């Protein structure tokens, strides 16, 4: 009799845990965001297309940001990330892709390759130091720090190199606003980069 009662008790507890898991589990879906290519002023190109090819190498990134979770900070000492608000791809891959889109739209090169296709003439390299949302008091800003390097293939010395590190105010505190503000920041960086690259290539 005691054994039967014990089995019934265990079965009842398992049922409670099962119901708790079903009712208490999060049913909210993940949301995905991306940095997109904005409309920017392109440099003047002497001919419709150049005879040169450029390879956009996959950007490197600080290991702290090597995740699909969108990072946010509430002070210089905090480092947190959203659980359900995610980048559609890892940030370094996303920024590499968008850089390629800007280069294609510039018409400065015969071809723009994200993967090596034969031997290109030039390379664009990038390193992402920070890509995040900054929430300090009532202020919300997007922060993007990126170093871009343009060089001839086979040469270590860059033809042009610059580190960008700026903030862009956000309309409100959410991942959508962060993605929009980061896109605007990156557009400014790439517009400046394209203008400089057009002078040295």
N, C-alpha and C. Protein backbone atom coordinates (compact mmCIF):
# COMPACT_ATOMS: atom_id res chain seq x y z
N UNK A 1 0.83 -1.21 0.00
CA UNK A 1 0.00 0.00 0.00
C UNK A 1 0.87 1.26 0.00
N UNK A 2 1.89 1.25 0.86
CA UNK A 2 2.80 2.39 0.96
C UNK A 2 3.51 2.63 -0.37
N UNK A 3 3.91 1.51 -1.00
CA UNK A 3 4.62 1.61 -2.27
C UNK A 3 3.71 2.19 -3.35
N UNK A 4 2.44 1.79 -3.34
CA UNK A 4 1.48 2.29 -4.33
C UNK A 4 1.26 3.79 -4.14
N UNK A 5 1.12 4.22 -2.87
CA UNK A 5 0.93 5.65 -2.60
C UNK A 5 2.14 6.47 -3.03
N UNK A 6 3.31 5.90 -2.82
CA UNK A 6 4.54 6.60 -3.20
C UNK A 6 4.61 6.79 -4.71
N UNK A 7 4.24 5.76 -5.44
CA UNK A 7 4.25 5.85 -6.90
C UNK A 7 3.26 6.89 -7.40
N UNK A 8 2.07 6.95 -6.74
CA UNK A 8 1.08 7.94 -7.12
C UNK A 8 1.58 9.36 -6.85
N UNK A 9 2.30 9.54 -5.74
CA UNK A 9 2.85 10.85 -5.39
C UNK A 9 3.88 11.29 -6.42
N UNK A 10 4.78 10.37 -6.79
CA UNK A 10 5.80 10.67 -7.79
C UNK A 10 5.15 11.04 -9.13
N UNK A 11 4.12 10.29 -9.51
CA UNK A 11 3.42 10.56 -10.77
C UNK A 11 2.76 11.94 -10.74
N UNK A 12 2.19 12.28 -9.60
CA UNK A 12 1.54 13.59 -9.47
C UNK A 12 2.56 14.72 -9.58
N UNK A 13 3.73 14.55 -8.93
CA UNK A 13 4.77 15.57 -9.00
C UNK A 13 5.28 15.75 -10.42
N UNK A 14 5.47 14.63 -11.13
CA UNK A 14 5.92 14.72 -12.51
C UNK A 14 4.92 15.46 -13.38
N UNK A 15 3.63 15.25 -13.11
CA UNK A 15 2.60 15.95 -13.87
C UNK A 15 2.66 17.45 -13.61
N UNK A 16 2.90 17.83 -12.35
CA UNK A 16 3.00 19.25 -11.99
C UNK A 16 4.19 19.89 -12.69
N UNK A 17 5.35 19.19 -12.65
CA UNK A 17 6.54 19.73 -13.31
C UNK A 17 6.32 19.87 -14.81
N UNK A 18 5.62 18.89 -15.38
CA UNK A 18 5.37 18.92 -16.81
C UNK A 18 4.49 20.11 -17.18
N UNK A 19 3.44 20.35 -16.38
CA UNK A 19 2.55 21.47 -16.63
C UNK A 19 3.26 22.80 -16.43
N UNK A 20 4.12 22.85 -15.40
CA UNK A 20 4.88 24.08 -15.13
C UNK A 20 5.78 24.41 -16.31
N UNK A 21 6.41 23.38 -16.87
CA UNK A 21 7.28 23.60 -18.02
C UNK A 21 6.51 24.10 -19.22
N UNK A 22 5.30 23.57 -19.41
CA UNK A 22 4.50 23.98 -20.56
C UNK A 22 3.97 25.40 -20.40
N UNK A 23 3.50 25.70 -19.17
CA UNK A 23 2.89 27.00 -18.93
C UNK A 23 3.92 28.08 -18.68
N UNK A 24 5.04 27.71 -18.06
CA UNK A 24 6.03 28.72 -17.68
C UNK A 24 7.06 28.98 -18.75
N UNK A 25 7.16 28.12 -19.74
CA UNK A 25 8.16 28.30 -20.79
C UNK A 25 7.83 29.49 -21.67
N UNK A 26 8.86 30.14 -22.22
CA UNK A 26 8.66 31.30 -23.07
C UNK A 26 8.17 30.86 -24.45
N UNK A 27 7.08 31.46 -24.89
CA UNK A 27 6.56 31.18 -26.22
C UNK A 27 6.84 32.34 -27.17
N UNK A 28 7.52 33.38 -26.66
CA UNK A 28 7.83 34.54 -27.49
C UNK A 28 8.91 34.17 -28.51
N UNK A 29 8.68 34.44 -29.79
CA UNK A 29 9.67 34.05 -30.82
C UNK A 29 10.88 34.98 -30.83
N UNK A 30 11.98 34.46 -31.32
CA UNK A 30 13.17 35.28 -31.51
C UNK A 30 12.93 36.26 -32.67
N UNK A 31 13.57 37.41 -32.60
CA UNK A 31 13.47 38.42 -33.65
C UNK A 31 14.88 38.65 -34.22
N UNK A 32 14.95 38.80 -35.52
CA UNK A 32 16.25 38.89 -36.18
C UNK A 32 16.41 40.24 -36.89
N UNK A 33 17.62 40.79 -36.83
CA UNK A 33 17.90 42.12 -37.37
C UNK A 33 19.18 42.09 -38.19
N UNK A 34 19.35 43.12 -39.01
CA UNK A 34 20.55 43.21 -39.82
C UNK A 34 20.95 44.67 -40.02
N UNK A 35 22.23 44.90 -40.25
CA UNK A 35 22.71 46.20 -40.70
C UNK A 35 22.54 46.21 -42.22
N UNK A 36 21.88 47.24 -42.73
CA UNK A 36 21.59 47.27 -44.17
C UNK A 36 22.39 48.37 -44.85
N UNK A 37 22.54 48.24 -46.16
CA UNK A 37 23.21 49.26 -46.97
C UNK A 37 22.25 50.42 -47.19
N UNK A 38 22.68 51.62 -46.82
CA UNK A 38 21.86 52.82 -46.98
C UNK A 38 22.19 53.50 -48.31
N UNK A 39 21.38 54.49 -48.64
CA UNK A 39 21.66 55.30 -49.83
C UNK A 39 22.71 56.35 -49.46
N UNK A 40 23.86 56.32 -50.14
CA UNK A 40 24.93 57.27 -49.84
C UNK A 40 25.44 57.90 -51.13
N UNK A 41 26.14 59.03 -50.99
CA UNK A 41 26.76 59.69 -52.15
C UNK A 41 27.99 58.89 -52.54
N UNK A 42 28.06 58.49 -53.79
CA UNK A 42 29.19 57.71 -54.28
C UNK A 42 30.26 58.62 -54.88
N UNK A 43 31.52 58.23 -54.80
CA UNK A 43 32.58 59.04 -55.40
C UNK A 43 32.47 59.07 -56.91
N UNK A 44 32.98 60.13 -57.50
CA UNK A 44 32.98 60.24 -58.95
C UNK A 44 33.99 59.28 -59.54
N UNK A 45 33.56 58.47 -60.50
CA UNK A 45 34.43 57.49 -61.14
C UNK A 45 34.65 57.93 -62.59
N UNK A 46 35.90 57.91 -63.03
CA UNK A 46 36.24 58.40 -64.38
C UNK A 46 35.62 57.56 -65.48
N UNK A 47 35.52 56.25 -65.25
CA UNK A 47 34.88 55.38 -66.24
C UNK A 47 33.81 54.56 -65.52
N UNK A 48 32.92 53.96 -66.28
CA UNK A 48 31.81 53.23 -65.67
C UNK A 48 32.31 52.12 -64.76
N UNK A 49 33.34 51.43 -65.20
CA UNK A 49 33.93 50.38 -64.37
C UNK A 49 35.44 50.41 -64.50
N UNK A 50 36.12 50.03 -63.44
CA UNK A 50 37.57 49.96 -63.45
C UNK A 50 38.00 48.59 -63.99
N UNK A 51 39.26 48.48 -64.33
CA UNK A 51 39.80 47.19 -64.77
C UNK A 51 40.26 46.35 -63.58
N UNK A 52 40.16 46.88 -62.38
CA UNK A 52 40.68 46.19 -61.21
C UNK A 52 39.62 45.38 -60.48
N UNK A 53 40.11 44.35 -59.80
CA UNK A 53 39.23 43.51 -58.99
C UNK A 53 39.60 43.67 -57.52
N UNK A 54 38.61 43.63 -56.66
CA UNK A 54 38.85 43.77 -55.24
C UNK A 54 38.21 42.59 -54.50
N UNK A 55 38.91 42.12 -53.51
CA UNK A 55 38.41 41.04 -52.65
C UNK A 55 38.10 41.62 -51.28
N UNK A 56 36.86 41.50 -50.84
CA UNK A 56 36.48 41.93 -49.50
C UNK A 56 36.67 40.73 -48.57
N UNK A 57 37.73 40.76 -47.80
CA UNK A 57 38.02 39.63 -46.91
C UNK A 57 37.05 39.65 -45.73
N UNK A 58 36.75 38.47 -45.23
CA UNK A 58 35.85 38.39 -44.07
C UNK A 58 36.45 39.18 -42.91
N UNK A 59 35.67 40.10 -42.38
CA UNK A 59 36.14 40.94 -41.29
C UNK A 59 36.45 40.09 -40.05
N UNK A 60 37.38 40.57 -39.26
CA UNK A 60 37.62 39.99 -37.95
C UNK A 60 36.84 40.81 -36.92
N UNK A 61 36.73 40.29 -35.70
CA UNK A 61 35.92 40.96 -34.68
C UNK A 61 36.47 40.66 -33.30
N UNK A 62 36.30 41.60 -32.39
CA UNK A 62 36.66 41.37 -31.00
C UNK A 62 35.85 40.16 -30.49
N UNK A 63 36.49 39.21 -29.83
CA UNK A 63 35.79 37.99 -29.40
C UNK A 63 34.53 38.25 -28.57
N UNK A 64 34.48 39.36 -27.83
CA UNK A 64 33.31 39.65 -27.00
C UNK A 64 32.04 39.85 -27.84
N UNK A 65 32.21 40.27 -29.10
CA UNK A 65 31.06 40.53 -29.97
C UNK A 65 30.84 39.42 -30.99
N UNK A 66 31.58 38.35 -30.85
CA UNK A 66 31.51 37.25 -31.81
C UNK A 66 30.32 36.35 -31.48
N UNK A 67 29.14 36.92 -31.60
CA UNK A 67 27.89 36.23 -31.25
C UNK A 67 26.76 36.83 -32.08
N UNK A 68 25.65 36.12 -32.17
CA UNK A 68 24.50 36.67 -32.88
C UNK A 68 23.62 37.50 -31.95
N UNK A 69 23.76 37.35 -30.63
CA UNK A 69 22.99 38.18 -29.70
C UNK A 69 23.40 39.64 -29.83
N UNK A 70 22.44 40.54 -29.85
CA UNK A 70 22.73 41.97 -29.90
C UNK A 70 23.18 42.43 -28.52
N UNK A 71 24.33 43.06 -28.47
CA UNK A 71 24.94 43.47 -27.20
C UNK A 71 24.41 44.85 -26.80
N UNK A 72 24.13 45.00 -25.50
CA UNK A 72 23.79 46.33 -24.98
C UNK A 72 24.52 46.55 -23.66
N UNK A 73 24.77 47.83 -23.36
CA UNK A 73 25.49 48.19 -22.15
C UNK A 73 24.77 49.34 -21.45
N UNK A 74 24.77 49.30 -20.12
CA UNK A 74 24.16 50.36 -19.33
C UNK A 74 25.20 51.17 -18.58
N UNK A 75 26.46 50.77 -18.68
CA UNK A 75 27.58 51.50 -18.11
C UNK A 75 28.85 50.94 -18.73
N UNK A 76 29.99 51.61 -18.54
CA UNK A 76 31.24 51.07 -19.08
C UNK A 76 31.62 49.71 -18.49
N UNK A 77 30.97 49.34 -17.37
CA UNK A 77 31.34 48.11 -16.68
C UNK A 77 30.39 46.95 -16.99
N UNK A 78 29.29 47.25 -17.68
CA UNK A 78 28.31 46.22 -18.01
C UNK A 78 28.56 45.68 -19.41
N UNK A 79 28.21 44.42 -19.60
CA UNK A 79 28.25 43.83 -20.93
C UNK A 79 27.16 42.77 -20.97
N UNK A 80 26.05 43.13 -21.60
CA UNK A 80 24.89 42.24 -21.61
C UNK A 80 24.41 42.04 -23.04
N UNK A 81 23.53 41.09 -23.23
CA UNK A 81 22.98 40.88 -24.57
C UNK A 81 21.56 40.38 -24.49
N UNK A 82 20.79 40.73 -25.52
CA UNK A 82 19.40 40.30 -25.61
C UNK A 82 19.32 38.80 -25.84
N UNK A 83 18.30 38.18 -25.26
CA UNK A 83 18.10 36.75 -25.46
C UNK A 83 17.33 36.45 -26.74
N UNK A 84 16.35 37.29 -27.06
CA UNK A 84 15.48 37.01 -28.20
C UNK A 84 15.73 37.91 -29.40
N UNK A 85 16.45 39.01 -29.19
CA UNK A 85 16.79 39.93 -30.30
C UNK A 85 18.18 39.58 -30.80
N UNK A 86 18.24 39.07 -32.04
CA UNK A 86 19.48 38.51 -32.57
C UNK A 86 19.82 39.12 -33.92
N UNK A 87 21.12 39.13 -34.22
CA UNK A 87 21.55 39.46 -35.58
C UNK A 87 21.22 38.29 -36.49
N UNK A 88 20.86 38.57 -37.73
CA UNK A 88 20.51 37.51 -38.67
C UNK A 88 21.72 36.63 -38.97
N UNK A 89 22.91 37.23 -38.98
CA UNK A 89 24.17 36.48 -39.09
C UNK A 89 25.16 37.12 -38.12
N UNK A 90 26.29 36.51 -37.94
CA UNK A 90 27.27 37.09 -37.03
C UNK A 90 27.70 38.47 -37.54
N UNK A 91 27.95 39.43 -36.63
CA UNK A 91 28.22 40.81 -37.04
C UNK A 91 29.36 40.97 -38.05
N UNK A 92 30.45 40.21 -37.87
CA UNK A 92 31.57 40.37 -38.79
C UNK A 92 31.20 39.92 -40.21
N UNK A 93 30.36 38.88 -40.32
CA UNK A 93 29.90 38.44 -41.63
C UNK A 93 28.96 39.47 -42.25
N UNK A 94 28.09 40.02 -41.42
CA UNK A 94 27.11 41.00 -41.88
C UNK A 94 27.78 42.26 -42.41
N UNK A 95 28.76 42.78 -41.66
CA UNK A 95 29.44 44.00 -42.09
C UNK A 95 30.32 43.76 -43.32
N UNK A 96 30.87 42.56 -43.44
CA UNK A 96 31.63 42.20 -44.65
C UNK A 96 30.71 42.25 -45.87
N UNK A 97 29.54 41.64 -45.75
CA UNK A 97 28.58 41.58 -46.85
C UNK A 97 28.13 42.98 -47.26
N UNK A 98 27.83 43.82 -46.29
CA UNK A 98 27.35 45.17 -46.60
C UNK A 98 28.46 46.01 -47.23
N UNK A 99 29.70 45.84 -46.77
CA UNK A 99 30.83 46.53 -47.40
C UNK A 99 30.93 46.15 -48.88
N UNK A 100 30.73 44.87 -49.17
CA UNK A 100 30.74 44.42 -50.56
C UNK A 100 29.64 45.07 -51.38
N UNK A 101 28.45 45.24 -50.77
CA UNK A 101 27.34 45.89 -51.47
C UNK A 101 27.69 47.34 -51.82
N UNK A 102 28.29 48.04 -50.87
CA UNK A 102 28.68 49.43 -51.13
C UNK A 102 29.72 49.50 -52.26
N UNK A 103 30.68 48.59 -52.24
CA UNK A 103 31.72 48.60 -53.28
C UNK A 103 31.14 48.32 -54.65
N UNK A 104 30.18 47.40 -54.72
CA UNK A 104 29.53 47.09 -56.00
C UNK A 104 28.79 48.32 -56.53
N UNK A 105 28.06 49.00 -55.64
CA UNK A 105 27.30 50.18 -56.05
C UNK A 105 28.20 51.34 -56.47
N UNK A 106 29.45 51.35 -55.98
CA UNK A 106 30.36 52.45 -56.31
C UNK A 106 30.85 52.41 -57.76
N UNK A 107 30.79 51.24 -58.40
CA UNK A 107 31.28 51.06 -59.78
C UNK A 107 32.77 51.37 -59.93
N UNK A 108 33.52 51.24 -58.86
CA UNK A 108 34.95 51.54 -58.93
C UNK A 108 35.79 50.35 -59.39
N UNK A 109 35.19 49.16 -59.39
CA UNK A 109 35.95 47.95 -59.68
C UNK A 109 35.22 47.09 -60.71
N UNK A 110 36.02 46.37 -61.48
CA UNK A 110 35.45 45.44 -62.46
C UNK A 110 34.64 44.36 -61.77
N UNK A 111 35.17 43.87 -60.63
CA UNK A 111 34.43 42.88 -59.86
C UNK A 111 34.74 43.05 -58.38
N UNK A 112 33.77 42.71 -57.57
CA UNK A 112 33.89 42.75 -56.11
C UNK A 112 33.58 41.35 -55.61
N UNK A 113 34.58 40.70 -55.02
CA UNK A 113 34.42 39.30 -54.60
C UNK A 113 34.46 39.19 -53.08
N UNK A 114 33.51 38.46 -52.54
CA UNK A 114 33.53 38.17 -51.11
C UNK A 114 34.29 36.87 -50.84
N UNK A 115 34.46 36.07 -51.89
CA UNK A 115 35.29 34.87 -51.82
C UNK A 115 36.36 35.00 -52.89
N UNK A 116 37.57 34.51 -52.64
CA UNK A 116 38.64 34.64 -53.64
C UNK A 116 38.25 34.02 -54.98
N UNK A 117 38.33 34.82 -56.03
CA UNK A 117 38.01 34.35 -57.39
C UNK A 117 39.21 34.70 -58.27
N UNK A 118 40.13 33.75 -58.42
CA UNK A 118 41.35 34.09 -59.12
C UNK A 118 42.22 34.96 -58.24
N UNK A 119 43.01 35.83 -58.84
CA UNK A 119 43.87 36.72 -58.06
C UNK A 119 43.36 38.15 -58.19
N UNK A 120 42.80 38.72 -57.12
CA UNK A 120 42.34 40.12 -57.19
C UNK A 120 43.52 41.08 -57.15
N UNK A 121 43.25 42.33 -57.49
CA UNK A 121 44.29 43.36 -57.45
C UNK A 121 44.40 44.01 -56.07
N UNK A 122 43.24 44.16 -55.42
CA UNK A 122 43.20 44.84 -54.12
C UNK A 122 42.41 44.02 -53.11
N UNK A 123 42.59 44.39 -51.84
CA UNK A 123 41.84 43.77 -50.75
C UNK A 123 41.29 44.85 -49.84
N UNK A 124 40.07 44.63 -49.36
CA UNK A 124 39.52 45.46 -48.29
C UNK A 124 39.39 44.58 -47.06
N UNK A 125 40.02 45.00 -45.98
CA UNK A 125 39.97 44.26 -44.72
C UNK A 125 39.29 45.11 -43.67
N UNK A 126 38.69 44.45 -42.70
CA UNK A 126 38.03 45.19 -41.62
C UNK A 126 38.15 44.46 -40.30
N UNK A 127 38.20 45.21 -39.22
CA UNK A 127 38.14 44.63 -37.88
C UNK A 127 37.10 45.40 -37.07
N UNK A 128 36.18 44.66 -36.47
CA UNK A 128 35.11 45.25 -35.68
C UNK A 128 35.52 45.23 -34.21
N UNK A 129 35.70 46.41 -33.65
CA UNK A 129 36.07 46.51 -32.23
C UNK A 129 34.85 46.56 -31.32
N UNK A 130 33.75 47.09 -31.83
CA UNK A 130 32.52 47.16 -31.02
C UNK A 130 31.32 47.37 -31.93
N UNK A 131 30.22 46.68 -31.61
CA UNK A 131 28.94 46.89 -32.28
C UNK A 131 27.88 46.63 -31.23
N UNK A 132 27.23 47.72 -30.75
CA UNK A 132 26.42 47.59 -29.54
C UNK A 132 25.45 48.75 -29.38
N UNK A 133 24.53 48.53 -28.44
CA UNK A 133 23.59 49.57 -28.00
C UNK A 133 24.07 50.07 -26.64
N UNK A 134 24.10 51.39 -26.49
CA UNK A 134 24.52 52.00 -25.23
C UNK A 134 23.31 52.69 -24.59
N UNK A 135 22.93 52.24 -23.40
CA UNK A 135 21.80 52.82 -22.67
C UNK A 135 22.33 53.42 -21.37
N UNK A 136 22.44 54.73 -21.35
CA UNK A 136 22.95 55.43 -20.16
C UNK A 136 21.92 56.45 -19.73
N UNK A 137 21.24 56.17 -18.62
CA UNK A 137 20.18 57.04 -18.15
C UNK A 137 19.04 57.10 -19.15
N UNK A 138 18.66 58.30 -19.56
CA UNK A 138 17.57 58.46 -20.53
C UNK A 138 18.08 58.49 -21.97
N UNK A 139 19.38 58.31 -22.14
CA UNK A 139 19.99 58.38 -23.47
C UNK A 139 20.21 56.98 -24.04
N UNK A 140 19.86 56.83 -25.32
CA UNK A 140 20.11 55.57 -26.02
C UNK A 140 20.89 55.87 -27.29
N UNK A 141 22.00 55.18 -27.47
CA UNK A 141 22.85 55.39 -28.65
C UNK A 141 23.36 54.05 -29.18
N UNK A 142 23.61 54.03 -30.48
CA UNK A 142 24.29 52.90 -31.10
C UNK A 142 25.77 53.24 -31.19
N UNK A 143 26.62 52.25 -30.97
CA UNK A 143 28.07 52.47 -31.00
C UNK A 143 28.70 51.45 -31.94
N UNK A 144 29.45 51.95 -32.91
CA UNK A 144 30.13 51.08 -33.87
C UNK A 144 31.57 51.54 -34.03
N UNK A 145 32.51 50.65 -33.72
CA UNK A 145 33.93 50.93 -33.89
C UNK A 145 34.51 49.91 -34.88
N UNK A 146 35.02 50.40 -36.00
CA UNK A 146 35.51 49.53 -37.08
C UNK A 146 36.78 50.13 -37.67
N UNK A 147 37.75 49.27 -37.93
CA UNK A 147 38.93 49.71 -38.67
C UNK A 147 38.88 49.10 -40.06
N UNK A 148 39.06 49.93 -41.09
CA UNK A 148 39.06 49.48 -42.48
C UNK A 148 40.44 49.69 -43.08
N UNK A 149 40.87 48.71 -43.86
CA UNK A 149 42.19 48.76 -44.49
C UNK A 149 42.06 48.38 -45.96
N UNK A 150 42.64 49.20 -46.84
CA UNK A 150 42.63 48.93 -48.27
C UNK A 150 44.08 48.81 -48.72
N UNK A 151 44.40 47.70 -49.39
CA UNK A 151 45.79 47.49 -49.80
C UNK A 151 45.86 46.68 -51.09
N UNK A 152 47.03 46.74 -51.73
CA UNK A 152 47.28 45.88 -52.89
C UNK A 152 47.51 44.45 -52.41
N UNK A 153 47.04 43.50 -53.18
CA UNK A 153 47.25 42.09 -52.83
C UNK A 153 48.74 41.78 -52.85
N UNK A 154 49.20 41.12 -51.80
CA UNK A 154 50.61 40.75 -51.70
C UNK A 154 51.46 41.78 -50.99
N UNK A 155 50.89 42.92 -50.64
CA UNK A 155 51.63 43.96 -49.93
C UNK A 155 51.05 44.16 -48.54
N UNK A 156 51.92 44.27 -47.55
CA UNK A 156 51.46 44.47 -46.18
C UNK A 156 51.11 45.92 -45.87
N UNK A 157 51.85 46.85 -46.47
CA UNK A 157 51.60 48.26 -46.20
C UNK A 157 50.30 48.70 -46.86
N UNK A 158 49.39 49.30 -46.11
CA UNK A 158 48.10 49.70 -46.69
C UNK A 158 48.23 50.93 -47.60
N UNK A 159 47.40 50.97 -48.62
CA UNK A 159 47.27 52.18 -49.42
C UNK A 159 46.45 53.22 -48.65
N UNK A 160 45.54 52.74 -47.85
CA UNK A 160 44.70 53.60 -47.01
C UNK A 160 44.18 52.78 -45.83
N UNK A 161 44.09 53.44 -44.68
CA UNK A 161 43.60 52.76 -43.48
C UNK A 161 43.01 53.81 -42.53
N UNK A 162 41.93 53.45 -41.87
CA UNK A 162 41.31 54.39 -40.93
C UNK A 162 40.46 53.63 -39.91
N UNK A 163 40.49 54.12 -38.68
CA UNK A 163 39.64 53.55 -37.63
C UNK A 163 38.49 54.52 -37.35
N UNK A 164 37.28 54.00 -37.39
CA UNK A 164 36.08 54.77 -37.12
C UNK A 164 35.52 54.35 -35.77
N UNK A 165 35.08 55.32 -34.98
CA UNK A 165 34.53 55.02 -33.66
C UNK A 165 33.58 56.15 -33.27
N UNK A 166 32.30 55.95 -33.57
CA UNK A 166 31.31 56.99 -33.31
C UNK A 166 30.04 56.40 -32.70
N UNK A 167 29.18 57.31 -32.23
CA UNK A 167 27.87 56.91 -31.70
C UNK A 167 26.78 57.62 -32.49
N UNK A 168 25.62 56.98 -32.56
CA UNK A 168 24.46 57.53 -33.26
C UNK A 168 23.27 57.43 -32.33
N UNK A 169 22.56 58.55 -32.13
CA UNK A 169 21.40 58.53 -31.24
C UNK A 169 20.30 57.63 -31.82
N UNK A 170 19.54 57.01 -30.92
CA UNK A 170 18.46 56.10 -31.29
C UNK A 170 17.12 56.72 -30.93
N UNK A 171 16.07 56.35 -31.68
CA UNK A 171 14.74 56.87 -31.41
C UNK A 171 14.19 56.36 -30.09
N UNK A 172 14.49 55.11 -29.78
CA UNK A 172 14.03 54.52 -28.53
C UNK A 172 14.90 53.31 -28.21
N UNK A 173 14.68 52.76 -27.03
CA UNK A 173 15.49 51.63 -26.61
C UNK A 173 14.88 50.32 -27.10
N UNK A 174 15.32 49.87 -28.24
CA UNK A 174 14.95 48.54 -28.73
C UNK A 174 15.92 48.13 -29.82
N UNK A 175 15.91 46.85 -30.15
CA UNK A 175 16.89 46.31 -31.10
C UNK A 175 16.67 46.86 -32.50
N UNK A 176 15.42 47.11 -32.88
CA UNK A 176 15.15 47.66 -34.21
C UNK A 176 15.81 49.03 -34.37
N UNK A 177 15.66 49.88 -33.36
CA UNK A 177 16.27 51.21 -33.42
C UNK A 177 17.80 51.11 -33.43
N UNK A 178 18.34 50.13 -32.70
CA UNK A 178 19.79 49.92 -32.70
C UNK A 178 20.28 49.52 -34.09
N UNK A 179 19.58 48.60 -34.73
CA UNK A 179 19.99 48.17 -36.08
C UNK A 179 19.92 49.32 -37.07
N UNK A 180 18.89 50.15 -36.96
CA UNK A 180 18.73 51.30 -37.86
C UNK A 180 19.86 52.31 -37.64
N UNK A 181 20.17 52.61 -36.37
CA UNK A 181 21.22 53.58 -36.07
C UNK A 181 22.58 53.06 -36.49
N UNK A 182 22.85 51.78 -36.28
CA UNK A 182 24.12 51.19 -36.69
C UNK A 182 24.27 51.21 -38.21
N UNK A 183 23.17 51.01 -38.92
CA UNK A 183 23.21 51.09 -40.39
C UNK A 183 23.61 52.48 -40.84
N UNK A 184 23.09 53.51 -40.18
CA UNK A 184 23.41 54.90 -40.54
C UNK A 184 24.88 55.21 -40.23
N UNK A 185 25.37 54.72 -39.10
CA UNK A 185 26.78 54.90 -38.76
C UNK A 185 27.67 54.25 -39.81
N UNK A 186 27.37 53.02 -40.15
CA UNK A 186 28.19 52.27 -41.11
C UNK A 186 28.15 52.93 -42.49
N UNK A 187 26.99 53.50 -42.84
CA UNK A 187 26.88 54.22 -44.11
C UNK A 187 27.83 55.41 -44.15
N UNK A 188 27.94 56.14 -43.05
CA UNK A 188 28.87 57.27 -42.99
C UNK A 188 30.31 56.80 -43.14
N UNK A 189 30.63 55.71 -42.45
CA UNK A 189 31.99 55.17 -42.54
C UNK A 189 32.32 54.76 -43.97
N UNK A 190 31.38 54.04 -44.60
CA UNK A 190 31.66 53.53 -45.93
C UNK A 190 31.70 54.64 -46.98
N UNK A 191 30.90 55.69 -46.80
CA UNK A 191 30.97 56.81 -47.73
C UNK A 191 32.35 57.46 -47.67
N UNK A 192 32.85 57.66 -46.46
CA UNK A 192 34.19 58.24 -46.30
C UNK A 192 35.26 57.29 -46.85
N UNK A 193 35.09 55.99 -46.59
CA UNK A 193 36.07 55.00 -47.06
C UNK A 193 36.13 54.98 -48.60
N UNK A 194 34.96 54.98 -49.24
CA UNK A 194 34.93 54.93 -50.70
C UNK A 194 35.58 56.16 -51.32
N UNK A 195 35.35 57.32 -50.72
CA UNK A 195 35.96 58.55 -51.22
C UNK A 195 37.49 58.46 -51.15
N UNK A 196 37.99 57.92 -50.05
CA UNK A 196 39.45 57.78 -49.90
C UNK A 196 40.02 56.72 -50.81
N UNK A 197 39.33 55.60 -50.94
CA UNK A 197 39.80 54.51 -51.80
C UNK A 197 39.85 54.97 -53.27
N UNK A 198 38.88 55.79 -53.68
CA UNK A 198 38.85 56.27 -55.07
C UNK A 198 40.07 57.11 -55.41
N UNK A 199 40.70 57.67 -54.39
CA UNK A 199 41.88 58.53 -54.63
C UNK A 199 43.19 57.75 -54.68
N UNK A 200 43.20 56.56 -54.10
CA UNK A 200 44.49 55.84 -53.97
C UNK A 200 44.60 54.60 -54.85
N UNK A 201 43.50 54.12 -55.39
CA UNK A 201 43.58 52.85 -56.13
C UNK A 201 44.20 53.05 -57.52
